[in-house]
N, C-alpha and C. Protein backbone atom coordinates (compact mmCIF):
# COMPACT_ATOMS: atom_id res chain seq x y z
N MET A 1 89.25 132.22 98.45
CA MET A 1 88.79 130.99 99.06
C MET A 1 87.42 131.25 99.68
N SER A 2 86.52 130.34 99.47
CA SER A 2 85.18 130.52 100.02
C SER A 2 85.13 130.02 101.46
N ASP A 3 83.98 130.21 102.09
CA ASP A 3 83.82 129.75 103.47
C ASP A 3 83.69 128.23 103.55
N LYS A 4 83.69 127.55 102.43
CA LYS A 4 83.59 126.09 102.41
C LYS A 4 84.95 125.44 102.13
N ARG A 5 86.04 126.17 102.41
CA ARG A 5 87.41 125.68 102.24
C ARG A 5 87.70 125.27 100.80
N GLN A 6 87.20 126.01 99.86
CA GLN A 6 87.49 125.74 98.46
C GLN A 6 87.84 127.04 97.75
N CYS A 7 88.65 126.91 96.73
CA CYS A 7 88.98 128.08 95.93
C CYS A 7 89.06 127.66 94.47
N TYR A 8 88.99 128.62 93.60
CA TYR A 8 88.90 128.32 92.18
C TYR A 8 89.64 129.35 91.34
N PRO A 9 90.91 129.57 91.66
CA PRO A 9 91.69 130.51 90.84
C PRO A 9 92.08 129.86 89.51
N THR A 10 92.33 130.68 88.53
CA THR A 10 92.83 130.14 87.26
C THR A 10 94.32 129.85 87.42
N ILE A 11 94.81 128.95 86.59
CA ILE A 11 96.24 128.63 86.58
C ILE A 11 97.04 129.89 86.28
N GLU A 12 96.54 130.69 85.35
CA GLU A 12 97.22 131.91 84.96
C GLU A 12 97.31 132.91 86.11
N MET A 13 96.22 133.00 86.91
CA MET A 13 96.23 133.92 88.04
C MET A 13 97.25 133.46 89.09
N ILE A 14 97.31 132.17 89.37
CA ILE A 14 98.29 131.64 90.32
C ILE A 14 99.70 131.94 89.81
N ALA A 15 99.93 131.67 88.53
CA ALA A 15 101.26 131.90 87.94
C ALA A 15 101.67 133.36 88.07
N ARG A 16 100.76 134.26 87.79
CA ARG A 16 101.05 135.69 87.90
C ARG A 16 101.38 136.07 89.35
N ASN A 17 100.61 135.54 90.30
CA ASN A 17 100.80 135.90 91.71
C ASN A 17 102.07 135.34 92.31
N VAL A 18 102.53 134.19 91.83
CA VAL A 18 103.75 133.61 92.41
C VAL A 18 104.96 133.82 91.52
N GLY A 19 104.76 134.36 90.34
CA GLY A 19 105.90 134.70 89.47
C GLY A 19 106.54 133.52 88.79
N CYS A 20 105.73 132.60 88.28
CA CYS A 20 106.28 131.49 87.51
C CYS A 20 105.35 131.19 86.33
N SER A 21 105.72 130.21 85.55
CA SER A 21 104.93 129.89 84.36
C SER A 21 103.69 129.07 84.71
N SER A 22 102.74 129.08 83.80
CA SER A 22 101.53 128.27 83.97
C SER A 22 101.86 126.79 84.04
N LYS A 23 102.83 126.37 83.24
CA LYS A 23 103.26 124.96 83.25
C LYS A 23 103.81 124.56 84.62
N SER A 24 104.59 125.46 85.23
CA SER A 24 105.12 125.18 86.57
C SER A 24 104.00 125.05 87.59
N VAL A 25 103.02 125.93 87.51
CA VAL A 25 101.87 125.86 88.41
C VAL A 25 101.14 124.54 88.23
N GLU A 26 100.88 124.15 86.99
CA GLU A 26 100.20 122.88 86.72
C GLU A 26 100.98 121.71 87.31
N ARG A 27 102.29 121.73 87.14
CA ARG A 27 103.12 120.65 87.67
C ARG A 27 103.05 120.61 89.20
N HIS A 28 103.13 121.77 89.84
CA HIS A 28 103.10 121.82 91.30
C HIS A 28 101.72 121.42 91.84
N ILE A 29 100.67 121.84 91.17
CA ILE A 29 99.33 121.43 91.60
C ILE A 29 99.19 119.92 91.50
N LYS A 30 99.70 119.34 90.44
CA LYS A 30 99.65 117.88 90.29
C LYS A 30 100.42 117.20 91.42
N GLU A 31 101.60 117.73 91.76
CA GLU A 31 102.40 117.15 92.83
C GLU A 31 101.66 117.25 94.17
N LEU A 32 101.05 118.40 94.44
CA LEU A 32 100.30 118.55 95.68
C LEU A 32 99.10 117.60 95.72
N ALA A 33 98.43 117.45 94.59
CA ALA A 33 97.29 116.54 94.52
C ALA A 33 97.75 115.09 94.68
N ASP A 34 98.87 114.72 94.05
CA ASP A 34 99.40 113.36 94.19
C ASP A 34 99.75 113.03 95.64
N LYS A 35 100.20 114.05 96.37
CA LYS A 35 100.56 113.85 97.78
C LYS A 35 99.35 114.04 98.69
N LYS A 36 98.18 114.27 98.10
CA LYS A 36 96.93 114.46 98.84
C LYS A 36 96.97 115.68 99.77
N MET A 37 97.72 116.71 99.35
CA MET A 37 97.78 117.93 100.15
C MET A 37 96.71 118.93 99.71
N ILE A 38 96.20 118.74 98.50
CA ILE A 38 95.02 119.46 98.03
C ILE A 38 94.17 118.45 97.27
N LEU A 39 92.90 118.73 97.18
CA LEU A 39 91.99 117.90 96.40
C LEU A 39 91.50 118.77 95.25
N VAL A 40 91.44 118.18 94.07
CA VAL A 40 91.05 118.93 92.88
C VAL A 40 89.80 118.31 92.29
N SER A 41 88.77 119.12 92.17
CA SER A 41 87.55 118.71 91.50
C SER A 41 87.61 119.27 90.09
N GLN A 42 87.80 118.38 89.12
CA GLN A 42 88.00 118.85 87.76
C GLN A 42 86.68 119.01 87.03
N GLY A 43 86.62 120.06 86.29
CA GLY A 43 85.43 120.37 85.51
C GLY A 43 85.79 121.49 84.57
N LYS A 44 84.77 122.24 84.15
CA LYS A 44 85.04 123.40 83.30
C LYS A 44 86.03 124.33 83.99
N ASN A 45 85.79 124.59 85.28
CA ASN A 45 86.71 125.35 86.12
C ASN A 45 87.07 124.46 87.31
N ASN A 46 88.34 124.15 87.45
CA ASN A 46 88.76 123.32 88.58
C ASN A 46 88.47 124.04 89.89
N THR A 47 88.11 123.25 90.89
CA THR A 47 87.95 123.76 92.25
C THR A 47 88.95 123.03 93.12
N TYR A 48 89.62 123.75 94.00
CA TYR A 48 90.66 123.18 94.85
C TYR A 48 90.19 123.20 96.29
N PHE A 49 90.34 122.07 96.96
CA PHE A 49 89.91 121.93 98.35
C PHE A 49 91.09 121.58 99.23
N LEU A 50 91.05 122.04 100.47
CA LEU A 50 92.01 121.59 101.46
C LEU A 50 91.37 120.41 102.20
N PRO A 51 92.06 119.28 102.25
CA PRO A 51 91.47 118.12 102.93
C PRO A 51 91.38 118.32 104.44
N ASN A 52 90.46 117.60 105.07
CA ASN A 52 90.26 117.70 106.51
C ASN A 52 91.40 117.08 107.31
N TYR A 53 92.22 116.24 106.69
CA TYR A 53 93.25 115.49 107.42
C TYR A 53 94.64 116.12 107.35
N LEU A 54 94.75 117.38 106.95
CA LEU A 54 96.07 118.00 106.84
C LEU A 54 96.82 118.02 108.17
N HIS A 55 96.11 118.08 109.28
CA HIS A 55 96.77 118.13 110.59
C HIS A 55 97.54 116.86 110.91
N CYS A 56 97.28 115.77 110.19
CA CYS A 56 98.03 114.53 110.43
C CYS A 56 98.71 114.01 109.17
N HIS A 57 98.88 114.87 108.17
CA HIS A 57 99.52 114.47 106.92
C HIS A 57 101.01 114.26 107.15
N PRO A 58 101.57 113.10 106.76
CA PRO A 58 102.98 112.80 107.07
C PRO A 58 103.98 113.80 106.49
N TYR A 59 103.73 114.30 105.30
CA TYR A 59 104.66 115.28 104.72
C TYR A 59 104.72 116.54 105.57
N LEU A 60 103.56 117.04 105.97
CA LEU A 60 103.52 118.26 106.77
C LEU A 60 104.08 118.04 108.16
N LEU A 61 103.74 116.92 108.76
CA LEU A 61 104.25 116.63 110.10
C LEU A 61 105.77 116.55 110.10
N MET A 62 106.32 115.84 109.13
CA MET A 62 107.77 115.69 109.07
C MET A 62 108.42 117.05 108.80
N SER A 63 107.85 117.83 107.92
CA SER A 63 108.41 119.13 107.60
C SER A 63 108.40 120.04 108.83
N GLU A 64 107.26 120.12 109.49
CA GLU A 64 107.15 121.00 110.66
C GLU A 64 108.07 120.56 111.78
N LYS A 65 108.13 119.26 112.04
CA LYS A 65 108.98 118.76 113.11
C LYS A 65 110.45 118.99 112.77
N THR A 66 110.82 118.79 111.52
CA THR A 66 112.21 119.00 111.10
C THR A 66 112.62 120.46 111.28
N HIS A 67 111.75 121.39 110.84
CA HIS A 67 112.07 122.82 110.98
C HIS A 67 112.14 123.22 112.45
N GLU A 68 111.26 122.68 113.25
CA GLU A 68 111.28 122.96 114.69
C GLU A 68 112.60 122.48 115.30
N PHE A 69 112.99 121.27 114.91
CA PHE A 69 114.25 120.70 115.42
C PHE A 69 115.45 121.54 114.98
N ILE A 70 115.49 121.90 113.72
CA ILE A 70 116.62 122.69 113.20
C ILE A 70 116.69 124.04 113.90
N ARG A 71 115.55 124.69 114.09
CA ARG A 71 115.55 125.98 114.79
C ARG A 71 116.08 125.85 116.20
N SER A 72 115.76 124.75 116.86
CA SER A 72 116.16 124.60 118.27
C SER A 72 117.66 124.35 118.43
N ILE A 73 118.29 123.73 117.45
CA ILE A 73 119.73 123.45 117.57
C ILE A 73 120.48 123.83 116.31
N ARG A 74 120.13 124.95 115.73
CA ARG A 74 120.66 125.44 114.45
C ARG A 74 122.18 125.30 114.32
N LYS A 75 122.93 125.67 115.32
CA LYS A 75 124.40 125.66 115.22
C LYS A 75 125.00 124.27 115.39
N GLN A 76 124.22 123.32 115.85
CA GLN A 76 124.73 121.98 116.10
C GLN A 76 124.38 120.98 115.00
N VAL A 77 123.52 121.36 114.06
CA VAL A 77 123.02 120.43 113.05
C VAL A 77 123.71 120.62 111.71
N ASN A 78 124.12 119.53 111.12
CA ASN A 78 124.62 119.55 109.76
C ASN A 78 123.40 119.39 108.86
N GLU A 79 122.93 120.49 108.29
CA GLU A 79 121.68 120.47 107.53
C GLU A 79 121.75 119.54 106.32
N ARG A 80 122.91 119.45 105.69
CA ARG A 80 123.05 118.54 104.54
C ARG A 80 122.82 117.10 104.96
N GLU A 81 123.43 116.68 106.07
CA GLU A 81 123.24 115.32 106.56
C GLU A 81 121.77 115.07 106.91
N LEU A 82 121.16 116.05 107.56
CA LEU A 82 119.75 115.91 107.91
C LEU A 82 118.88 115.80 106.66
N THR A 83 119.17 116.62 105.66
CA THR A 83 118.41 116.57 104.41
C THR A 83 118.55 115.21 103.74
N LEU A 84 119.76 114.68 103.70
CA LEU A 84 119.98 113.35 103.11
C LEU A 84 119.23 112.28 103.89
N TRP A 85 119.22 112.40 105.22
CA TRP A 85 118.50 111.43 106.04
C TRP A 85 117.00 111.47 105.72
N ILE A 86 116.43 112.69 105.63
CA ILE A 86 115.01 112.83 105.33
C ILE A 86 114.69 112.28 103.95
N GLN A 87 115.54 112.58 102.97
CA GLN A 87 115.31 112.06 101.62
C GLN A 87 115.32 110.53 101.63
N GLY A 88 116.23 109.93 102.40
CA GLY A 88 116.25 108.48 102.52
C GLY A 88 115.01 107.95 103.20
N MET A 89 114.54 108.68 104.21
CA MET A 89 113.36 108.25 104.95
C MET A 89 112.12 108.21 104.06
N VAL A 90 111.92 109.23 103.24
CA VAL A 90 110.71 109.26 102.42
C VAL A 90 110.76 108.24 101.28
N LYS A 91 111.93 107.68 101.00
CA LYS A 91 112.04 106.65 99.97
C LYS A 91 111.81 105.25 100.53
N ARG A 92 111.77 105.13 101.86
CA ARG A 92 111.60 103.82 102.48
C ARG A 92 110.20 103.28 102.24
N ASP A 93 110.09 101.97 102.13
CA ASP A 93 108.80 101.32 101.90
C ASP A 93 107.79 101.62 103.01
N GLU A 94 108.27 101.70 104.26
CA GLU A 94 107.36 101.98 105.38
C GLU A 94 106.70 103.34 105.22
N TYR A 95 107.48 104.31 104.77
CA TYR A 95 106.93 105.66 104.58
C TYR A 95 105.97 105.67 103.40
N LYS A 96 106.35 105.00 102.33
CA LYS A 96 105.48 104.95 101.15
C LYS A 96 104.16 104.29 101.48
N SER A 97 104.17 103.22 102.29
CA SER A 97 102.91 102.56 102.63
C SER A 97 102.06 103.45 103.53
N TYR A 98 102.70 104.21 104.42
CA TYR A 98 101.95 105.13 105.27
C TYR A 98 101.33 106.23 104.42
N LYS A 99 102.08 106.69 103.43
CA LYS A 99 101.60 107.76 102.56
C LYS A 99 100.34 107.33 101.80
N LYS A 100 100.23 106.04 101.46
CA LYS A 100 99.08 105.56 100.68
C LYS A 100 97.77 105.65 101.45
N VAL A 101 97.86 105.70 102.77
CA VAL A 101 96.66 105.83 103.59
C VAL A 101 95.94 107.12 103.25
N PHE A 102 96.70 108.13 102.91
CA PHE A 102 96.11 109.42 102.60
C PHE A 102 95.85 109.51 101.14
């Protein structure tokens, strides 16, 4: 990663480093880009950027808050119920409209 918050690894290098196929890496990069968690400048060699608004990204906020909550009351939480609740929450129209802002 350069000092300008961008990096330009090959798909093959990412796949080798994380131990999965190139197709899996491509799929995951597309999912991250669709969720606006990374920005991709496409060209001969793609460049990947971290957006400036990650500190207020709804996916990250919900994930961090959920993990913090689970850690604080680990023995009292039914993780399956919580997971189902979160899955329902992200399917709601209100969440989807908030997500479009990013």
